[in-house]
Amino acid sequence: MDSEVVDWNLNILDSFVGELGDSSIIDSNSFLWRDIDKNKILNFVNSFKLNIDDELGINFKMPLKFVKQYIEDRDTLWDVALYSGEGDEKFFYNKTIKKEKRKLKLKENNHFIFSNRNISSGESEGIVLGGNNNFGSNRRLIRSKMTKPLLMLHIIQPEFLDIKPKDANIEVVAAYGVSFPGDVSSKEEATKVKINSVFIQNLIKQMEEDSKGDD
């Protein structure tokens, strides 16, 4: 894990939060911004550095190429959430939150990934529906009720598994996830990118599995 990349992403996330303006405070001291211009979202995604093997994100459940194309193609506003967890407190921009605890493990290329590969859970997506929704972590139902795409921001307190990296003194990591409204199999909201059929089938399979909820 490159400490320079870690610092870069923290600064990018901090600056981005500063551009969003006033927010609502949700349960557990998380924050939610409504109706954010898509260009701010695209600038953030383009600036944030990710260690992924391919832009389609087959191995990491982050189809970055699709995400960027989706933002560019659709003239729609976004919601943005910043989550507070159960870790140590951190003053982030002008907000005090608690870091979210996550386990990281070593990959073959000497990079670390989140152990379950899912940074954002179905419950994370449910923030846009309010605290009284009854959908739990059922992503398929949550997305069927969403009216805008959601950018989910996370300040992670990492717990390194197995082998500790040389940067094991890293105490905070920035991360993000995205969620789109509707059904993954819908043809009405299709995003077109140039990929082969094997990639398409693998990606659809993974997204459908994710939409069923979290174990």
Protein backbone atom coordinates (compact mmCIF):
# COMPACT_ATOMS: atom_id res chain seq x y z
CA MET A 1 0.00 0.00 0.00
CA ASP A 2 1.64 3.24 -1.16
CA SER A 3 1.46 5.85 1.60
CA GLU A 4 1.61 8.63 -1.00
CA VAL A 5 -1.51 7.27 -2.70
CA VAL A 6 -3.22 6.97 0.69
CA ASP A 7 -2.45 10.61 1.47
CA TRP A 8 -3.48 11.72 -2.03
CA ASN A 9 -6.89 10.06 -1.78
CA LEU A 10 -7.51 11.45 1.70
CA ASN A 11 -6.81 14.95 0.41
CA ILE A 12 -9.04 14.40 -2.64
CA LEU A 13 -11.91 13.21 -0.45
CA ASP A 14 -11.39 16.05 2.02
CA SER A 15 -11.46 18.68 -0.76
CA PHE A 16 -14.50 17.07 -2.35
CA VAL A 17 -16.47 17.14 0.90
CA GLY A 18 -15.56 20.81 1.21
CA GLU A 19 -17.15 21.51 -2.19
CA LEU A 20 -20.46 19.87 -1.34
CA GLY A 21 -21.82 22.55 1.00
CA ASP A 22 -24.42 21.91 3.67
CA SER A 23 -25.40 18.34 4.50
CA SER A 24 -27.97 16.48 6.54
CA ILE A 25 -26.83 14.47 9.57
CA ILE A 26 -28.23 10.94 9.46
CA ASP A 27 -28.37 8.25 12.14
CA SER A 28 -24.99 7.36 13.69
CA ASN A 29 -23.59 10.75 12.68
CA SER A 30 -23.25 9.96 8.99
CA PHE A 31 -23.77 12.75 6.48
CA LEU A 32 -25.89 13.01 3.34
CA TRP A 33 -25.88 15.56 0.52
CA ARG A 34 -28.74 15.70 -1.97
CA ASP A 35 -28.81 16.78 -5.61
CA ILE A 36 -25.10 17.17 -6.36
CA ASP A 37 -24.02 18.13 -9.87
CA LYS A 38 -22.64 15.18 -11.84
CA ASN A 39 -19.50 17.10 -12.87
CA LYS A 40 -18.37 17.22 -9.24
CA ILE A 41 -18.86 13.45 -9.05
CA LEU A 42 -16.88 12.88 -12.25
CA ASN A 43 -14.03 15.12 -11.10
CA PHE A 44 -13.81 13.17 -7.85
CA VAL A 45 -13.83 9.76 -9.54
CA ASN A 46 -11.21 10.86 -12.07
CA SER A 47 -8.94 12.24 -9.34
CA PHE A 48 -9.19 9.32 -6.91
CA LYS A 49 -6.42 6.72 -7.36
CA LEU A 50 -7.36 3.04 -7.30
CA ASN A 51 -5.26 -0.12 -7.42
CA ILE A 52 -7.28 -2.25 -9.83
CA ASP A 53 -6.12 -4.73 -12.45
CA ASP A 54 -8.64 -3.61 -15.06
CA GLU A 55 -11.05 -0.75 -15.53
CA LEU A 56 -13.95 -3.17 -15.77
CA GLY A 57 -13.34 -4.19 -12.17
CA ILE A 58 -14.25 -7.84 -12.62
CA ASN A 59 -11.93 -8.87 -9.78
CA PHE A 60 -12.68 -5.94 -7.49
CA LYS A 61 -16.40 -5.27 -7.98
CA MET A 62 -15.60 -1.73 -9.12
CA PRO A 63 -16.48 -1.41 -12.83
CA LEU A 64 -14.67 1.91 -13.14
CA LYS A 65 -15.10 2.20 -16.88
CA PHE A 66 -18.86 1.76 -16.53
CA VAL A 67 -19.02 4.23 -13.66
CA LYS A 68 -17.28 6.97 -15.62
CA GLN A 69 -19.35 6.32 -18.73
CA TYR A 70 -22.56 6.33 -16.69
CA ILE A 71 -21.70 9.72 -15.18
CA GLU A 72 -20.82 11.20 -18.56
CA ASP A 73 -23.90 9.83 -20.36
CA ARG A 74 -26.59 10.84 -17.87
CA ASP A 75 -27.64 14.39 -17.12
CA THR A 76 -28.76 13.59 -13.60
CA LEU A 77 -28.07 14.83 -10.09
CA TRP A 78 -26.41 12.59 -7.50
CA ASP A 79 -26.71 11.95 -3.78
CA VAL A 80 -23.50 11.69 -1.73
CA ALA A 81 -23.07 10.02 1.68
CA LEU A 82 -20.16 10.12 4.14
CA TYR A 83 -20.38 7.35 6.73
CA SER A 84 -19.39 7.22 10.37
CA GLY A 85 -18.44 3.87 11.91
CA GLU A 86 -17.26 2.49 15.23
CA GLY A 87 -13.56 3.29 15.02
CA ASP A 88 -11.45 6.18 16.27
CA GLU A 89 -12.68 9.73 15.84
CA LYS A 90 -11.30 11.82 12.99
CA PHE A 91 -11.83 15.48 12.18
CA PHE A 92 -12.54 15.47 8.48
CA TYR A 93 -12.92 18.80 6.73
CA ASN A 94 -15.34 20.56 9.13
CA LYS A 95 -16.96 17.35 10.35
CA THR A 96 -16.11 14.94 13.14
CA ILE A 97 -16.79 11.30 12.29
CA LYS A 98 -15.71 7.90 13.53
CA LYS A 99 -13.69 5.77 11.13
CA GLU A 100 -15.20 2.57 9.80
CA LYS A 101 -13.27 -0.56 10.77
CA ARG A 102 -12.39 -2.83 7.83
CA LYS A 103 -10.05 -5.81 7.36
CA LEU A 104 -7.48 -5.73 4.57
CA LYS A 105 -5.47 -8.61 3.12
CA LEU A 106 -2.42 -8.94 0.89
CA LYS A 107 -2.70 -9.72 -2.83
CA GLU A 108 -0.10 -11.28 -5.11
CA ASN A 109 0.98 -7.90 -6.52
CA ASN A 110 1.81 -6.62 -3.02
CA HIS A 111 -1.30 -4.49 -2.90
CA PHE A 112 -3.91 -4.73 -0.19
CA ILE A 113 -7.64 -5.15 -0.75
CA PHE A 114 -10.65 -5.23 1.56
CA SER A 115 -11.13 -8.79 2.73
CA ASN A 116 -14.74 -9.15 1.55
CA ARG A 117 -14.25 -6.82 -1.46
CA ASN A 118 -17.43 -4.93 -0.58
CA ILE A 119 -16.63 -1.56 0.98
CA SER A 120 -20.23 -0.36 0.85
CA SER A 121 -23.03 -2.60 2.08
CA GLY A 122 -26.71 -2.63 1.19
CA GLU A 123 -27.36 -0.83 4.44
CA SER A 124 -25.01 1.90 3.24
CA GLU A 125 -27.15 2.39 0.15
CA GLY A 126 -30.30 2.55 2.26
CA ILE A 127 -29.21 5.90 3.72
CA VAL A 128 -31.02 7.70 0.90
CA LEU A 129 -34.36 6.12 1.89
CA GLY A 130 -34.24 7.34 5.49
CA GLY A 131 -33.91 5.45 8.74
CA ASN A 132 -37.43 4.02 8.67
CA ASN A 133 -37.12 1.84 5.56
CA ASN A 134 -37.60 -1.91 6.10
CA PHE A 135 -35.27 -3.16 3.39
CA GLY A 136 -32.24 -3.87 5.59
CA SER A 137 -29.32 -4.78 3.33
CA ASN A 138 -31.45 -5.94 0.38
CA ARG A 139 -29.77 -4.04 -2.42
CA ARG A 140 -32.23 -5.04 -5.09
CA LEU A 141 -35.17 -3.53 -3.19
CA ILE A 142 -33.21 -0.46 -2.12
CA ARG A 143 -32.10 0.30 -5.67
CA SER A 144 -35.63 -0.17 -6.96
CA LYS A 145 -36.70 2.69 -4.67
CA MET A 146 -33.77 4.99 -5.38
CA THR A 147 -34.37 7.91 -7.74
CA LYS A 148 -30.76 9.09 -8.16
CA PRO A 149 -27.33 7.45 -8.21
CA LEU A 150 -25.41 7.49 -4.92
CA LEU A 151 -21.71 8.08 -4.23
CA MET A 152 -20.70 6.50 -0.90
CA LEU A 153 -17.62 7.89 0.87
CA HIS A 154 -15.77 5.94 3.55
CA ILE A 155 -13.00 6.83 6.01
CA ILE A 156 -11.50 3.46 6.90
CA GLN A 157 -9.57 2.39 10.00
CA PRO A 158 -7.68 -0.59 8.51
CA GLU A 159 -6.88 -3.86 10.24
CA PHE A 160 -4.17 -5.63 8.26
CA LEU A 161 -4.53 -9.41 8.05
CA ASP A 162 -1.80 -12.07 7.69
CA ILE A 163 1.28 -10.07 6.66
CA LYS A 164 1.70 -6.46 7.64
CA PRO A 165 2.93 -4.11 4.89
CA LYS A 166 5.83 -1.72 5.34
CA ASP A 167 3.22 1.01 5.75
CA ALA A 168 1.41 -0.82 8.56
CA ASN A 169 1.45 2.40 10.55
CA ILE A 170 -1.25 3.76 8.23
CA GLU A 171 -4.19 4.61 10.46
CA VAL A 172 -6.74 5.86 7.95
CA VAL A 173 -7.64 5.09 4.32
CA ALA A 174 -10.15 6.82 2.04
CA ALA A 175 -12.47 4.68 -0.09
CA TYR A 176 -15.68 5.02 -2.08
CA GLY A 177 -18.45 3.01 -3.66
CA VAL A 178 -21.26 3.77 -6.09
CA SER A 179 -24.86 2.63 -6.34
CA PHE A 180 -27.22 3.08 -9.27
CA PRO A 181 -31.02 3.15 -9.12
CA GLY A 182 -33.07 0.49 -10.84
CA ASP A 183 -32.43 -3.10 -11.93
CA VAL A 184 -29.04 -4.29 -13.18
CA SER A 185 -30.75 -6.14 -16.05
CA SER A 186 -32.78 -3.12 -17.21
CA LYS A 187 -32.28 -2.24 -20.88
CA GLU A 188 -33.80 1.22 -20.49
CA GLU A 189 -30.78 2.55 -18.57
CA ALA A 190 -28.03 0.70 -20.46
CA THR A 191 -24.49 2.11 -20.53
CA LYS A 192 -22.41 1.24 -23.57
CA VAL A 193 -18.69 0.47 -23.38
CA LYS A 194 -16.50 -1.62 -25.67
CA ILE A 195 -15.81 -4.99 -24.04
CA ASN A 196 -16.05 -8.63 -25.06
CA SER A 197 -18.92 -10.97 -24.25
CA VAL A 198 -17.04 -12.89 -21.52
CA PHE A 199 -16.45 -9.70 -19.57
CA ILE A 200 -20.12 -8.78 -19.97
CA GLN A 201 -21.38 -12.08 -18.58
CA ASN A 202 -18.95 -12.07 -15.64
CA LEU A 203 -19.79 -8.51 -14.73
CA ILE A 204 -23.56 -9.00 -14.89
CA LYS A 205 -23.26 -12.16 -12.77
CA GLN A 206 -21.30 -10.35 -10.06
CA MET A 207 -23.62 -7.33 -10.02
CA GLU A 208 -26.69 -9.55 -9.76
CA GLU A 209 -25.10 -11.42 -6.84
CA ASP A 210 -24.31 -8.13 -5.11
CA SER A 211 -27.84 -6.82 -5.55
CA LYS A 212 -29.31 -9.70 -3.53
CA GLY A 213 -27.84 -8.34 -0.31
CA ASP A 214 -24.97 -8.90 2.08
CA ASP A 215 -24.22 -11.99 4.12
